Amino acid sequence: MDFKAFILRSKVISLYRKAWRVANQAPSGAREELKSQIRQDFEASRAEADRPAIVYLVSLGKQRLKELEDMLNLRA
């Protein structure tokens, strides 16, 4: 694994951890479903090897995470 791949991998892992923390802020009834959806989304893209596609998926994930955070903050 080269350095760029290592950095990209760390970004993906960081995004997953952030998504998991945000999911823990969800109401208890929706928390497990949200965590399951996050896991499915990441598993669906697990075999992706094309770097530009991974960069796109990370940026899309960040956008969706921001929307989820905003939605949960509006509720509070």
PDB file of N, CA and C in Angstrom:
ATOM      1  N   MET A   1       0.848  -1.171   0.000  1.00  0.00           N
ATOM      2  CA  MET A   1       0.000   0.000   0.000  1.00  0.00           C
ATOM      3  C   MET A   1       0.897   1.239   0.000  1.00  0.00           C
ATOM      4  N   ASP A   2       0.652   2.111  -0.941  1.00  0.00           N
ATOM      5  CA  ASP A   2       1.446   3.334  -0.995  1.00  0.00           C
ATOM      6  C   ASP A   2       0.860   4.388  -0.047  1.00  0.00           C
ATOM      7  N   PHE A   3       1.548   5.494   0.056  1.00  0.00           N
ATOM      8  CA  PHE A   3       1.178   6.530   1.016  1.00  0.00           C
ATOM      9  C   PHE A   3      -0.192   7.142   0.712  1.00  0.00           C
ATOM     10  N   LYS A   4      -0.479   7.391  -0.564  1.00  0.00           N
ATOM     11  CA  LYS A   4      -1.775   7.978  -0.925  1.00  0.00           C
ATOM     12  C   LYS A   4      -2.926   7.036  -0.575  1.00  0.00           C
ATOM     13  N   ALA A   5      -2.724   5.756  -0.801  1.00  0.00           N
ATOM     14  CA  ALA A   5      -3.749   4.771  -0.454  1.00  0.00           C
ATOM     15  C   ALA A   5      -3.942   4.709   1.056  1.00  0.00           C
ATOM     16  N   PHE A   6      -2.847   4.821   1.783  1.00  0.00           N
ATOM     17  CA  PHE A   6      -2.912   4.815   3.243  1.00  0.00           C
ATOM     18  C   PHE A   6      -3.716   6.011   3.757  1.00  0.00           C
ATOM     19  N   ILE A   7      -3.463   7.189   3.209  1.00  0.00           N
ATOM     20  CA  ILE A   7      -4.178   8.400   3.608  1.00  0.00           C
ATOM     21  C   ILE A   7      -5.660   8.278   3.260  1.00  0.00           C
ATOM     22  N   LEU A   8      -5.948   7.785   2.078  1.00  0.00           N
ATOM     23  CA  LEU A   8      -7.336   7.620   1.648  1.00  0.00           C
ATOM     24  C   LEU A   8      -8.059   6.625   2.553  1.00  0.00           C
ATOM     25  N   ARG A   9      -7.392   5.558   2.898  1.00  0.00           N
ATOM     26  CA  ARG A   9      -7.974   4.559   3.810  1.00  0.00           C
ATOM     27  C   ARG A   9      -8.271   5.182   5.158  1.00  0.00           C
ATOM     28  N   SER A  10      -7.370   6.009   5.652  1.00  0.00           N
ATOM     29  CA  SER A  10      -7.596   6.649   6.951  1.00  0.00           C
ATOM     30  C   SER A  10      -8.778   7.614   6.895  1.00  0.00           C
ATOM     31  N   LYS A  11      -8.989   8.257   5.753  1.00  0.00           N
ATOM     32  CA  LYS A  11     -10.146   9.145   5.596  1.00  0.00           C
ATOM     33  C   LYS A  11     -11.450   8.356   5.635  1.00  0.00           C
ATOM     34  N   VAL A  12     -11.442   7.200   5.000  1.00  0.00           N
ATOM     35  CA  VAL A  12     -12.637   6.351   4.995  1.00  0.00           C
ATOM     36  C   VAL A  12     -12.943   5.878   6.416  1.00  0.00           C
ATOM     37  N   ILE A  13     -11.937   5.427   7.131  1.00  0.00           N
ATOM     38  CA  ILE A  13     -12.132   4.953   8.499  1.00  0.00           C
ATOM     39  C   ILE A  13     -12.608   6.094   9.396  1.00  0.00           C
ATOM     40  N   SER A  14     -12.038   7.260   9.222  1.00  0.00           N
ATOM     41  CA  SER A  14     -12.449   8.427  10.002  1.00  0.00           C
ATOM     42  C   SER A  14     -13.912   8.780   9.735  1.00  0.00           C
ATOM     43  N   LEU A  15     -14.316   8.743   8.475  1.00  0.00           N
ATOM     44  CA  LEU A  15     -15.705   9.022   8.113  1.00  0.00           C
ATOM     45  C   LEU A  15     -16.641   8.000   8.758  1.00  0.00           C
ATOM     46  N   TYR A  16     -16.250   6.738   8.745  1.00  0.00           N
ATOM     47  CA  TYR A  16     -17.073   5.689   9.353  1.00  0.00           C
ATOM     48  C   TYR A  16     -17.238   5.935  10.848  1.00  0.00           C
ATOM     49  N   ARG A  17     -16.175   6.274  11.518  1.00  0.00           N
ATOM     50  CA  ARG A  17     -16.237   6.534  12.964  1.00  0.00           C
ATOM     51  C   ARG A  17     -17.105   7.751  13.279  1.00  0.00           C
ATOM     52  N   LYS A  18     -16.977   8.799  12.474  1.00  0.00           N
ATOM     53  CA  LYS A  18     -17.816   9.987  12.671  1.00  0.00           C
ATOM     54  C   LYS A  18     -19.284   9.646  12.468  1.00  0.00           C
ATOM     55  N   ALA A  19     -19.574   8.861  11.436  1.00  0.00           N
ATOM     56  CA  ALA A  19     -20.954   8.466  11.166  1.00  0.00           C
ATOM     57  C   ALA A  19     -21.513   7.648  12.326  1.00  0.00           C
ATOM     58  N   TRP A  20     -20.695   6.784  12.876  1.00  0.00           N
ATOM     59  CA  TRP A  20     -21.120   5.956  14.006  1.00  0.00           C
ATOM     60  C   TRP A  20     -21.436   6.831  15.226  1.00  0.00           C
ATOM     61  N   ARG A  21     -20.589   7.839  15.483  1.00  0.00           N
ATOM     62  CA  ARG A  21     -20.826   8.746  16.614  1.00  0.00           C
ATOM     63  C   ARG A  21     -22.101   9.557  16.415  1.00  0.00           C
ATOM     64  N   VAL A  22     -22.338  10.011  15.202  1.00  0.00           N
ATOM     65  CA  VAL A  22     -23.562  10.760  14.915  1.00  0.00           C
ATOM     66  C   VAL A  22     -24.777   9.853  15.085  1.00  0.00           C
ATOM     67  N   ALA A  23     -24.665   8.604  14.658  1.00  0.00           N
ATOM     68  CA  ALA A  23     -25.775   7.657  14.803  1.00  0.00           C
ATOM     69  C   ALA A  23     -26.121   7.443  16.277  1.00  0.00           C
ATOM     70  N   ASN A  24     -25.146   7.517  17.131  1.00  0.00           N
ATOM     71  CA  ASN A  24     -25.404   7.362  18.565  1.00  0.00           C
ATOM     72  C   ASN A  24     -26.203   8.526  19.137  1.00  0.00           C
ATOM     73  N   GLN A  25     -26.273   9.635  18.429  1.00  0.00           N
ATOM     74  CA  GLN A  25     -27.049  10.792  18.877  1.00  0.00           C
ATOM     75  C   GLN A  25     -28.516  10.692  18.447  1.00  0.00           C
ATOM     76  N   ALA A  26     -28.825   9.756  17.584  1.00  0.00           N
ATOM     77  CA  ALA A  26     -30.187   9.594  17.077  1.00  0.00           C
ATOM     78  C   ALA A  26     -31.093   9.072  18.189  1.00  0.00           C
ATOM     79  N   PRO A  27     -32.404   9.272  18.053  1.00  0.00           N
ATOM     80  CA  PRO A  27     -33.339   8.716  19.040  1.00  0.00           C
ATOM     81  C   PRO A  27     -33.171   7.204  19.127  1.00  0.00           C
ATOM     82  N   SER A  28     -33.395   6.656  20.292  1.00  0.00           N
ATOM     83  CA  SER A  28     -33.114   5.236  20.523  1.00  0.00           C
ATOM     84  C   SER A  28     -33.868   4.314  19.569  1.00  0.00           C
ATOM     85  N   GLY A  29     -35.061   4.691  19.153  1.00  0.00           N
ATOM     86  CA  GLY A  29     -35.827   3.849  18.239  1.00  0.00           C
ATOM     87  C   GLY A  29     -35.230   3.754  16.849  1.00  0.00           C
ATOM     88  N   ALA A  30     -34.523   4.781  16.419  1.00  0.00           N
ATOM     89  CA  ALA A  30     -33.963   4.813  15.069  1.00  0.00           C
ATOM     90  C   ALA A  30     -32.470   4.510  15.043  1.00  0.00           C
ATOM     91  N   ARG A  31     -31.861   4.446  16.196  1.00  0.00           N
ATOM     92  CA  ARG A  31     -30.400   4.308  16.286  1.00  0.00           C
ATOM     93  C   ARG A  31     -29.879   3.044  15.600  1.00  0.00           C
ATOM     94  N   GLU A  32     -30.472   1.896  15.919  1.00  0.00           N
ATOM     95  CA  GLU A  32     -29.974   0.632  15.358  1.00  0.00           C
ATOM     96  C   GLU A  32     -30.205   0.560  13.849  1.00  0.00           C
ATOM     97  N   GLU A  33     -31.338   1.073  13.400  1.00  0.00           N
ATOM     98  CA  GLU A  33     -31.603   1.086  11.959  1.00  0.00           C
ATOM     99  C   GLU A  33     -30.609   1.980  11.234  1.00  0.00           C
ATOM    100  N   LEU A  34     -30.290   3.120  11.829  1.00  0.00           N
ATOM    101  CA  LEU A  34     -29.332   4.045  11.239  1.00  0.00           C
ATOM    102  C   LEU A  34     -27.941   3.426  11.181  1.00  0.00           C
ATOM    103  N   LYS A  35     -27.537   2.768  12.249  1.00  0.00           N
ATOM    104  CA  LYS A  35     -26.232   2.102  12.269  1.00  0.00           C
ATOM    105  C   LYS A  35     -26.174   0.996  11.219  1.00  0.00           C
ATOM    106  N   SER A  36     -27.265   0.271  11.079  1.00  0.00           N
ATOM    107  CA  SER A  36     -27.326  -0.789  10.078  1.00  0.00           C
ATOM    108  C   SER A  36     -27.187  -0.210   8.670  1.00  0.00           C
ATOM    109  N   GLN A  37     -27.839   0.907   8.412  1.00  0.00           N
ATOM    110  CA  GLN A  37     -27.756   1.544   7.096  1.00  0.00           C
ATOM    111  C   GLN A  37     -26.344   2.053   6.816  1.00  0.00           C
ATOM    112  N   ILE A  38     -25.704   2.624   7.818  1.00  0.00           N
ATOM    113  CA  ILE A  38     -24.323   3.103   7.662  1.00  0.00           C
ATOM    114  C   ILE A  38     -23.415   1.932   7.302  1.00  0.00           C
ATOM    115  N   ARG A  39     -23.561   0.856   8.035  1.00  0.00           N
ATOM    116  CA  ARG A  39     -22.738  -0.329   7.783  1.00  0.00           C
ATOM    117  C   ARG A  39     -22.963  -0.858   6.366  1.00  0.00           C
ATOM    118  N   GLN A  40     -24.214  -0.946   5.944  1.00  0.00           N
ATOM    119  CA  GLN A  40     -24.534  -1.432   4.603  1.00  0.00           C
ATOM    120  C   GLN A  40     -23.924  -0.544   3.530  1.00  0.00           C
ATOM    121  N   ASP A  41     -23.999   0.768   3.735  1.00  0.00           N
ATOM    122  CA  ASP A  41     -23.436   1.695   2.754  1.00  0.00           C
ATOM    123  C   ASP A  41     -21.931   1.505   2.602  1.00  0.00           C
ATOM    124  N   PHE A  42     -21.240   1.337   3.718  1.00  0.00           N
ATOM    125  CA  PHE A  42     -19.796   1.146   3.656  1.00  0.00           C
ATOM    126  C   PHE A  42     -19.446  -0.228   3.078  1.00  0.00           C
ATOM    127  N   GLU A  43     -20.197  -1.248   3.462  1.00  0.00           N
ATOM    128  CA  GLU A  43     -19.937  -2.596   2.943  1.00  0.00           C
ATOM    129  C   GLU A  43     -20.172  -2.667   1.436  1.00  0.00           C
ATOM    130  N   ALA A  44     -21.155  -1.927   0.938  1.00  0.00           N
ATOM    131  CA  ALA A  44     -21.464  -1.947  -0.495  1.00  0.00           C
ATOM    132  C   ALA A  44     -20.304  -1.408  -1.328  1.00  0.00           C
ATOM    133  N   SER A  45     -19.516  -0.531  -0.744  1.00  0.00           N
ATOM    134  CA  SER A  45     -18.397   0.079  -1.476  1.00  0.00           C
ATOM    135  C   SER A  45     -17.043  -0.475  -1.059  1.00  0.00           C
ATOM    136  N   ARG A  46     -17.047  -1.510  -0.274  1.00  0.00           N
ATOM    137  CA  ARG A  46     -15.810  -2.064   0.272  1.00  0.00           C
ATOM    138  C   ARG A  46     -14.821  -2.522  -0.806  1.00  0.00           C
ATOM    139  N   ALA A  47     -15.301  -3.082  -1.886  1.00  0.00           N
ATOM    140  CA  ALA A  47     -14.428  -3.633  -2.922  1.00  0.00           C
ATOM    141  C   ALA A  47     -13.959  -2.581  -3.923  1.00  0.00           C
ATOM    142  N   GLU A  48     -14.390  -1.353  -3.774  1.00  0.00           N
ATOM    143  CA  GLU A  48     -13.999  -0.290  -4.704  1.00  0.00           C
ATOM    144  C   GLU A  48     -12.491  -0.076  -4.637  1.00  0.00           C
ATOM    145  N   ALA A  49     -11.838  -0.087  -5.794  1.00  0.00           N
ATOM    146  CA  ALA A  49     -10.384   0.066  -5.842  1.00  0.00           C
ATOM    147  C   ALA A  49      -9.955   1.304  -6.621  1.00  0.00           C
ATOM    148  N   ASP A  50     -10.869   1.925  -7.323  1.00  0.00           N
ATOM    149  CA  ASP A  50     -10.574   3.096  -8.126  1.00  0.00           C
ATOM    150  C   ASP A  50     -10.477   4.328  -7.224  1.00  0.00           C
ATOM    151  N   ARG A  51      -9.300   4.932  -7.146  1.00  0.00           N
ATOM    152  CA  ARG A  51      -9.090   6.059  -6.223  1.00  0.00           C
ATOM    153  C   ARG A  51     -10.034   7.228  -6.450  1.00  0.00           C
ATOM    154  N   PRO A  52     -10.216   7.676  -7.689  1.00  0.00           N
ATOM    155  CA  PRO A  52     -11.167   8.794  -7.880  1.00  0.00           C
ATOM    156  C   PRO A  52     -12.577   8.441  -7.408  1.00  0.00           C
ATOM    157  N   ALA A  53     -12.977   7.194  -7.585  1.00  0.00           N
ATOM    158  CA  ALA A  53     -14.300   6.770  -7.119  1.00  0.00           C
ATOM    159  C   ALA A  53     -14.358   6.784  -5.594  1.00  0.00           C
ATOM    160  N   ILE A  54     -13.296   6.373  -4.952  1.00  0.00           N
ATOM    161  CA  ILE A  54     -13.258   6.372  -3.489  1.00  0.00           C
ATOM    162  C   ILE A  54     -13.295   7.803  -2.968  1.00  0.00           C
ATOM    163  N   VAL A  55     -12.545   8.694  -3.606  1.00  0.00           N
ATOM    164  CA  VAL A  55     -12.555  10.103  -3.203  1.00  0.00           C
ATOM    165  C   VAL A  55     -13.965  10.669  -3.348  1.00  0.00           C
ATOM    166  N   TYR A  56     -14.634  10.321  -4.440  1.00  0.00           N
ATOM    167  CA  TYR A  56     -16.013  10.770  -4.647  1.00  0.00           C
ATOM    168  C   TYR A  56     -16.926  10.214  -3.551  1.00  0.00           C
ATOM    169  N   LEU A  57     -16.787   8.931  -3.233  1.00  0.00           N
ATOM    170  CA  LEU A  57     -17.627   8.318  -2.208  1.00  0.00           C
ATOM    171  C   LEU A  57     -17.388   8.952  -0.839  1.00  0.00           C
ATOM    172  N   VAL A  58     -16.148   9.289  -0.534  1.00  0.00           N
ATOM    173  CA  VAL A  58     -15.846   9.956   0.743  1.00  0.00           C
ATOM    174  C   VAL A  58     -16.501  11.331   0.787  1.00  0.00           C
ATOM    175  N   SER A  59     -16.409  12.076  -0.305  1.00  0.00           N
ATOM    176  CA  SER A  59     -17.028  13.407  -0.318  1.00  0.00           C
ATOM    177  C   SER A  59     -18.551  13.298  -0.229  1.00  0.00           C
ATOM    178  N   LEU A  60     -19.122  12.316  -0.890  1.00  0.00           N
ATOM    179  CA  LEU A  60     -20.560  12.085  -0.798  1.00  0.00           C
ATOM    180  C   LEU A  60     -20.946  11.685   0.624  1.00  0.00           C
ATOM    181  N   GLY A  61     -20.143  10.852   1.236  1.00  0.00           N
ATOM    182  CA  GLY A  61     -20.390  10.443   2.620  1.00  0.00           C
ATOM    183  C   GLY A  61     -20.325  11.612   3.585  1.00  0.00           C
ATOM    184  N   LYS A  62     -19.359  12.501   3.380  1.00  0.00           N
ATOM    185  CA  LYS A  62     -19.258  13.690   4.232  1.00  0.00           C
ATOM    186  C   LYS A  62     -20.488  14.572   4.088  1.00  0.00           C
ATOM    187  N   GLN A  63     -20.963  14.705   2.866  1.00  0.00           N
ATOM    188  CA  GLN A  63     -22.156  15.515   2.618  1.00  0.00           C
ATOM    189  C   GLN A  63     -23.378  14.900   3.306  1.00  0.00           C
ATOM    190  N   ARG A  64     -23.551  13.593   3.164  1.00  0.00           N
ATOM    191  CA  ARG A  64     -24.686  12.918   3.799  1.00  0.00           C
ATOM    192  C   ARG A  64     -24.584  12.973   5.315  1.00  0.00           C
ATOM    193  N   LEU A  65     -23.375  12.877   5.848  1.00  0.00           N
ATOM    194  CA  LEU A  65     -23.174  12.963   7.288  1.00  0.00           C
ATOM    195  C   LEU A  65     -23.530  14.346   7.799  1.00  0.00           C
ATOM    196  N   LYS A  66     -23.149  15.374   7.065  1.00  0.00           N
ATOM    197  CA  LYS A  66     -23.493  16.747   7.437  1.00  0.00           C
ATOM    198  C   LYS A  66     -25.006  16.931   7.470  1.00  0.00           C
ATOM    199  N   GLU A  67     -25.694  16.390   6.461  1.00  0.00           N
ATOM    200  CA  GLU A  67     -27.153  16.482   6.414  1.00  0.00           C
ATOM    201  C   GLU A  67     -27.780  15.768   7.607  1.00  0.00           C
ATOM    202  N   LEU A  68     -27.240  14.609   7.972  1.00  0.00           N
ATOM    203  CA  LEU A  68     -27.747  13.870   9.109  1.00  0.00           C
ATOM    204  C   LEU A  68     -27.516  14.645  10.412  1.00  0.00           C
ATOM    205  N   GLU A  69     -26.324  15.201  10.566  1.00  0.00           N
ATOM    206  CA  GLU A  69     -26.036  16.018  11.752  1.00  0.00           C
ATOM    207  C   GLU A  69     -26.988  17.187  11.855  1.00  0.00           C
ATOM    208  N   ASP A  70     -27.217  17.871  10.731  1.00  0.00           N
ATOM    209  CA  ASP A  70     -28.143  19.013  10.718  1.00  0.00           C
ATOM    210  C   ASP A  70     -29.551  18.575  11.114  1.00  0.00           C
ATOM    211  N   MET A  71     -29.987  17.437  10.600  1.00  0.00           N
ATOM    212  CA  MET A  71     -31.308  16.945  10.907  1.00  0.00           C
ATOM    213  C   MET A  71     -31.435  16.608  12.403  1.00  0.00           C
ATOM    214  N   LEU A  72     -30.415  15.984  12.964  1.00  0.00           N
ATOM    215  CA  LEU A  72     -30.456  15.626  14.376  1.00  0.00           C
ATOM    216  C   LEU A  72     -30.365  16.863  15.273  1.00  0.00           C
ATOM    217  N   ASN A  73     -29.626  17.883  14.811  1.00  0.00           N
ATOM    218  CA  ASN A  73     -29.522  19.115  15.593  1.00  0.00           C
ATOM    219  C   ASN A  73     -30.806  19.914  15.561  1.00  0.00           C
ATOM    220  N   LEU A  74     -31.558  19.842  14.483  1.00  0.00           N
ATOM    221  CA  LEU A  74     -32.844  20.530  14.405  1.00  0.00           C
ATOM    222  C   LEU A  74     -33.835  19.904  15.366  1.00  0.00           C
ATOM    223  N   ARG A  75     -33.720  18.620  15.555  1.00  0.00           N
ATOM    224  CA  ARG A  75     -34.621  17.887  16.440  1.00  0.00           C
ATOM    225  C   ARG A  75     -34.386  18.225  17.894  1.00  0.00           C
ATOM    226  N   ALA A  76     -33.145  18.486  18.247  1.00  0.00           N
ATOM    227  CA  ALA A  76     -32.780  18.712  19.653  1.00  0.00           C
ATOM    228  C   ALA A  76     -33.244  20.028  20.204  1.00  0.00           C
TER     229      ALA A  76
END
